C-alpha atoms as a PDB file:
ATOM      1  CA  MET A   1       0.036  -0.008   0.010  1.00  0.00           C
ATOM      2  CA  ALA A   2       1.367   3.406  -0.867  1.00  0.00           C
ATOM      3  CA  PRO A   3       0.568   6.147   1.655  1.00  0.00           C
ATOM      4  CA  GLN A   4      -1.697   8.794   0.111  1.00  0.00           C
ATOM      5  CA  ALA A   5      -2.466  12.355   1.123  1.00  0.00           C
ATOM      6  CA  GLY A   6      -5.825  13.940   0.715  1.00  0.00           C
ATOM      7  CA  GLY A   7      -8.206  11.303   1.983  1.00  0.00           C
ATOM      8  CA  ALA A   8     -11.696  11.917   3.202  1.00  0.00           C
ATOM      9  CA  ASP A   9     -11.602   9.368   6.068  1.00  0.00           C
ATOM     10  CA  GLY A  10      -9.276  11.201   8.307  1.00  0.00           C
ATOM     11  CA  MET A  11      -6.584  13.603   9.268  1.00  0.00           C
ATOM     12  CA  ILE A  12      -3.437  13.022  11.326  1.00  0.00           C
ATOM     13  CA  CYS A  13      -2.055  15.621  13.696  1.00  0.00           C
ATOM     14  CA  LEU A  14       1.543  15.871  14.911  1.00  0.00           C
ATOM     15  CA  TRP A  15       1.824  16.922  18.522  1.00  0.00           C
ATOM     16  CA  ALA A  16       4.957  17.697  20.540  1.00  0.00           C
ATOM     17  CA  ALA A  17       5.735  19.772  23.633  1.00  0.00           C
ATOM     18  CA  GLY A  18       2.005  20.312  24.209  1.00  0.00           C
ATOM     19  CA  ALA A  19       1.523  21.969  20.827  1.00  0.00           C
ATOM     20  CA  LEU A  20       0.045  21.016  17.448  1.00  0.00           C
ATOM     21  CA  TRP A  21       2.794  21.357  14.842  1.00  0.00           C
ATOM     22  CA  ALA A  22       1.169  20.013  11.720  1.00  0.00           C
ATOM     23  CA  SER A  23      -1.920  18.277  10.323  1.00  0.00           C
ATOM     24  CA  PHE A  24      -2.512  16.341   7.089  1.00  0.00           C
ATOM     25  CA  ALA A  25      -5.645  14.969   5.381  1.00  0.00           C
ATOM     26  CA  VAL A  26      -4.670  11.369   4.627  1.00  0.00           C
ATOM     27  CA  ASP A  27      -5.975   7.983   3.671  1.00  0.00           C
ATOM     28  CA  GLY A  28      -2.792   6.420   4.860  1.00  0.00           C
ATOM     29  CA  PHE A  29       0.803   7.287   5.815  1.00  0.00           C
ATOM     30  CA  GLY A  30       4.075   5.542   6.400  1.00  0.00           C
ATOM     31  CA  LEU A  31       6.674   5.630   9.082  1.00  0.00           C
ATOM     32  CA  SER A  32      10.306   4.686   8.410  1.00  0.00           C
ATOM     33  CA  TRP A  33      13.293   4.519  10.686  1.00  0.00           C
ATOM     34  CA  THR A  34      16.738   2.986  10.988  1.00  0.00           C
ATOM     35  CA  HIS A  35      17.503   0.589  13.896  1.00  0.00           C
ATOM     36  CA  SER A  36      20.004   2.338  16.181  1.00  0.00           C
ATOM     37  CA  VAL A  37      22.261  -0.679  16.600  1.00  0.00           C
ATOM     38  CA  GLU A  38      21.860  -2.754  13.442  1.00  0.00           C
ATOM     39  CA  LYS A  39      21.495   0.216  11.056  1.00  0.00           C
ATOM     40  CA  ILE A  40      18.737  -1.648   9.284  1.00  0.00           C
ATOM     41  CA  GLU A  41      15.663   0.129   7.901  1.00  0.00           C
ATOM     42  CA  TRP A  42      12.121  -0.586   9.090  1.00  0.00           C
ATOM     43  CA  ARG A  43       8.895   0.695   7.492  1.00  0.00           C
ATOM     44  CA  GLU A  44       5.309   0.616   8.586  1.00  0.00           C
ATOM     45  CA  GLU A  45       2.153   1.560   6.621  1.00  0.00           C
ATOM     46  CA  TRP A  46      -0.848   2.988   8.521  1.00  0.00           C
ATOM     47  CA  ARG A  47      -4.399   3.979   7.763  1.00  0.00           C
ATOM     48  CA  VAL A  48      -6.818   6.316   9.558  1.00  0.00           C
ATOM     49  CA  GLU A  49     -10.019   4.391  10.123  1.00  0.00           C
ATOM     50  CA  ASN A  50     -12.912   5.260  12.415  1.00  0.00           C
ATOM     51  CA  GLY A  51     -10.810   7.749  14.368  1.00  0.00           C
ATOM     52  CA  ARG A  52      -8.053   5.291  15.092  1.00  0.00           C
ATOM     53  CA  LEU A  53      -4.668   4.376  13.538  1.00  0.00           C
ATOM     54  CA  SER A  54      -4.486   0.886  12.021  1.00  0.00           C
ATOM     55  CA  VAL A  55      -1.245  -0.745  10.943  1.00  0.00           C
ATOM     56  CA  VAL A  56      -1.580  -2.278   7.452  1.00  0.00           C
ATOM     57  CA  GLU A  57       1.837  -3.721   6.924  1.00  0.00           C
ATOM     58  CA  ALA A  58       5.375  -3.701   8.358  1.00  0.00           C
ATOM     59  CA  ARG A  59       8.680  -4.549   6.682  1.00  0.00           C
ATOM     60  CA  VAL A  60      12.263  -4.857   7.799  1.00  0.00           C
ATOM     61  CA  LYS A  61      15.322  -4.957   5.534  1.00  0.00           C
ATOM     62  CA  GLY A  62      17.167  -7.624   7.625  1.00  0.00           C
ATOM     63  CA  SER A  63      17.376  -9.147  11.026  1.00  0.00           C
ATOM     64  CA  GLY A  64      19.553  -9.106  14.192  1.00  0.00           C
ATOM     65  CA  ALA A  65      19.713  -7.600  17.714  1.00  0.00           C
ATOM     66  CA  GLY A  66      16.211  -8.739  18.748  1.00  0.00           C
ATOM     67  CA  MET A  67      14.550  -7.801  15.470  1.00  0.00           C
ATOM     68  CA  GLU A  68      13.842 -11.160  13.959  1.00  0.00           C
ATOM     69  CA  PRO A  69      10.872 -11.172  11.519  1.00  0.00           C
ATOM     70  CA  PRO A  70       7.820 -12.800  13.080  1.00  0.00           C
ATOM     71  CA  ASP A  71       6.330 -16.178  12.002  1.00  0.00           C
ATOM     72  CA  GLY A  72       4.499 -15.794   8.732  1.00  0.00           C
ATOM     73  CA  ALA A  73       6.754 -12.985   7.446  1.00  0.00           C
ATOM     74  CA  ARG A  74       7.665 -13.425   3.732  1.00  0.00           C
ATOM     75  CA  LEU A  75      10.833 -12.278   1.991  1.00  0.00           C
ATOM     76  CA  THR A  76       9.940  -9.926  -0.877  1.00  0.00           C
ATOM     77  CA  ASP A  77      12.592  -7.924  -2.787  1.00  0.00           C
ATOM     78  CA  GLY A  78      14.976  -8.093   0.183  1.00  0.00           C
ATOM     79  CA  TRP A  79      12.391  -7.046   2.797  1.00  0.00           C
ATOM     80  CA  TRP A  80      10.759  -9.276   5.411  1.00  0.00           C
ATOM     81  CA  VAL A  81       7.110  -8.279   5.059  1.00  0.00           C
ATOM     82  CA  TYR A  82       4.347  -9.018   7.537  1.00  0.00           C
ATOM     83  CA  VAL A  83       1.126  -7.709   9.078  1.00  0.00           C
ATOM     84  CA  PRO A  84       1.581  -6.938  12.792  1.00  0.00           C
ATOM     85  CA  ASP A  85      -1.060  -8.340  15.152  1.00  0.00           C
ATOM     86  CA  LEU A  86      -1.905  -4.942  16.674  1.00  0.00           C
ATOM     87  CA  ALA A  87      -5.317  -3.492  17.512  1.00  0.00           C
ATOM     88  CA  PRO A  88      -6.080   0.016  16.180  1.00  0.00           C
ATOM     89  CA  LEU A  89      -4.400   2.684  18.261  1.00  0.00           C
ATOM     90  CA  ALA A  90      -5.530   6.086  19.456  1.00  0.00           C
ATOM     91  CA  GLU A  91      -2.012   7.462  18.895  1.00  0.00           C
ATOM     92  CA  ILE A  92       1.561   6.609  17.998  1.00  0.00           C
ATOM     93  CA  VAL A  93       4.250   7.983  20.331  1.00  0.00           C
ATOM     94  CA  LEU A  94       7.663   8.487  18.685  1.00  0.00           C
ATOM     95  CA  ALA A  95      10.662   8.946  20.966  1.00  0.00           C
ATOM     96  CA  ARG A  96      13.279  11.171  19.375  1.00  0.00           C
ATOM     97  CA  SER A  97      16.923  11.835  20.048  1.00  0.00           C
ATOM     98  CA  ASP A  98      19.883  13.482  18.400  1.00  0.00           C
ATOM     99  CA  ALA A  99      21.788  10.247  19.191  1.00  0.00           C
ATOM    100  CA  THR A 100      19.885   8.375  16.392  1.00  0.00           C
ATOM    101  CA  ALA A 101      18.541   9.179  12.942  1.00  0.00           C
ATOM    102  CA  ASP A 102      15.162  10.847  13.024  1.00  0.00           C
ATOM    103  CA  TRP A 103      11.909   9.133  12.073  1.00  0.00           C
ATOM    104  CA  ARG A 104      10.727   9.662   8.492  1.00  0.00           C
ATOM    105  CA  LEU A 105       7.051  10.430   7.819  1.00  0.00           C
ATOM    106  CA  CYS A 106       5.897   9.223   4.405  1.00  0.00           C
ATOM    107  CA  LEU A 107       3.105  11.086   2.741  1.00  0.00           C
ATOM    108  CA  GLY A 108       3.738  10.091  -0.836  1.00  0.00           C
ATOM    109  CA  GLU A 109       7.411  10.625  -0.214  1.00  0.00           C
ATOM    110  CA  CYS A 110       9.363  10.016   2.931  1.00  0.00           C
ATOM    111  CA  ARG A 111      10.841  13.069   4.712  1.00  0.00           C
ATOM    112  CA  PRO A 112      12.458  13.458   8.134  1.00  0.00           C
ATOM    113  CA  LEU A 113       9.954  14.247  10.866  1.00  0.00           C
ATOM    114  CA  ALA A 114      12.036  17.310  11.604  1.00  0.00           C
ATOM    115  CA  ASP A 115      10.698  18.863   8.416  1.00  0.00           C
ATOM    116  CA  TRP A 116       7.431  19.396  10.429  1.00  0.00           C
ATOM    117  CA  VAL A 117       8.439  19.118  14.109  1.00  0.00           C
ATOM    118  CA  PRO A 118      11.859  20.190  15.301  1.00  0.00           C
ATOM    119  CA  LEU A 119      13.913  17.516  17.065  1.00  0.00           C
ATOM    120  CA  GLU A 120      14.249  19.800  20.030  1.00  0.00           C
ATOM    121  CA  ALA A 121      10.463  19.541  20.554  1.00  0.00           C
ATOM    122  CA  GLY A 122      11.108  15.978  21.792  1.00  0.00           C
ATOM    123  CA  THR A 123       8.732  13.068  21.821  1.00  0.00           C
ATOM    124  CA  THR A 124       6.211  13.476  18.980  1.00  0.00           C
ATOM    125  CA  THR A 125       2.749  11.952  18.902  1.00  0.00           C
ATOM    126  CA  ILE A 126       0.740  11.122  15.810  1.00  0.00           C
ATOM    127  CA  ARG A 127      -2.960  10.917  16.347  1.00  0.00           C
ATOM    128  CA  PRO A 128      -6.105  11.323  14.344  1.00  0.00           C
ATOM    129  CA  CYS A 129      -7.340  14.922  14.435  1.00  0.00           C
ATOM    130  CA  GLY A 130     -10.736  15.476  15.698  1.00  0.00           C
END
């Protein structure tokens, strides 16, 4: 699934330091990050459904340091792809630090979260607006 902007089902809001920093009308969005020890990329695809955030798919480029792909994962184009067994969430909390690479928010293209919320704002929360 490719994350898409401009959906009618929902909007996501980015919150940090008690303030709203950005909002986006979306059908879906992606999160991408690099494991701090193994330096391996992870990606997740999310949808906004009924005022909650539902994970659609996750993928990891390799394994190691406690990040083995779960049972049922399939290897596709060098990625271990699977659907996490996770109930819809009210929010996603992203810890941030200058000791690791920043999260990347994917709205058609992936860009560092710092493009919308400065790293200094600290922990950033993604939640449906409403």
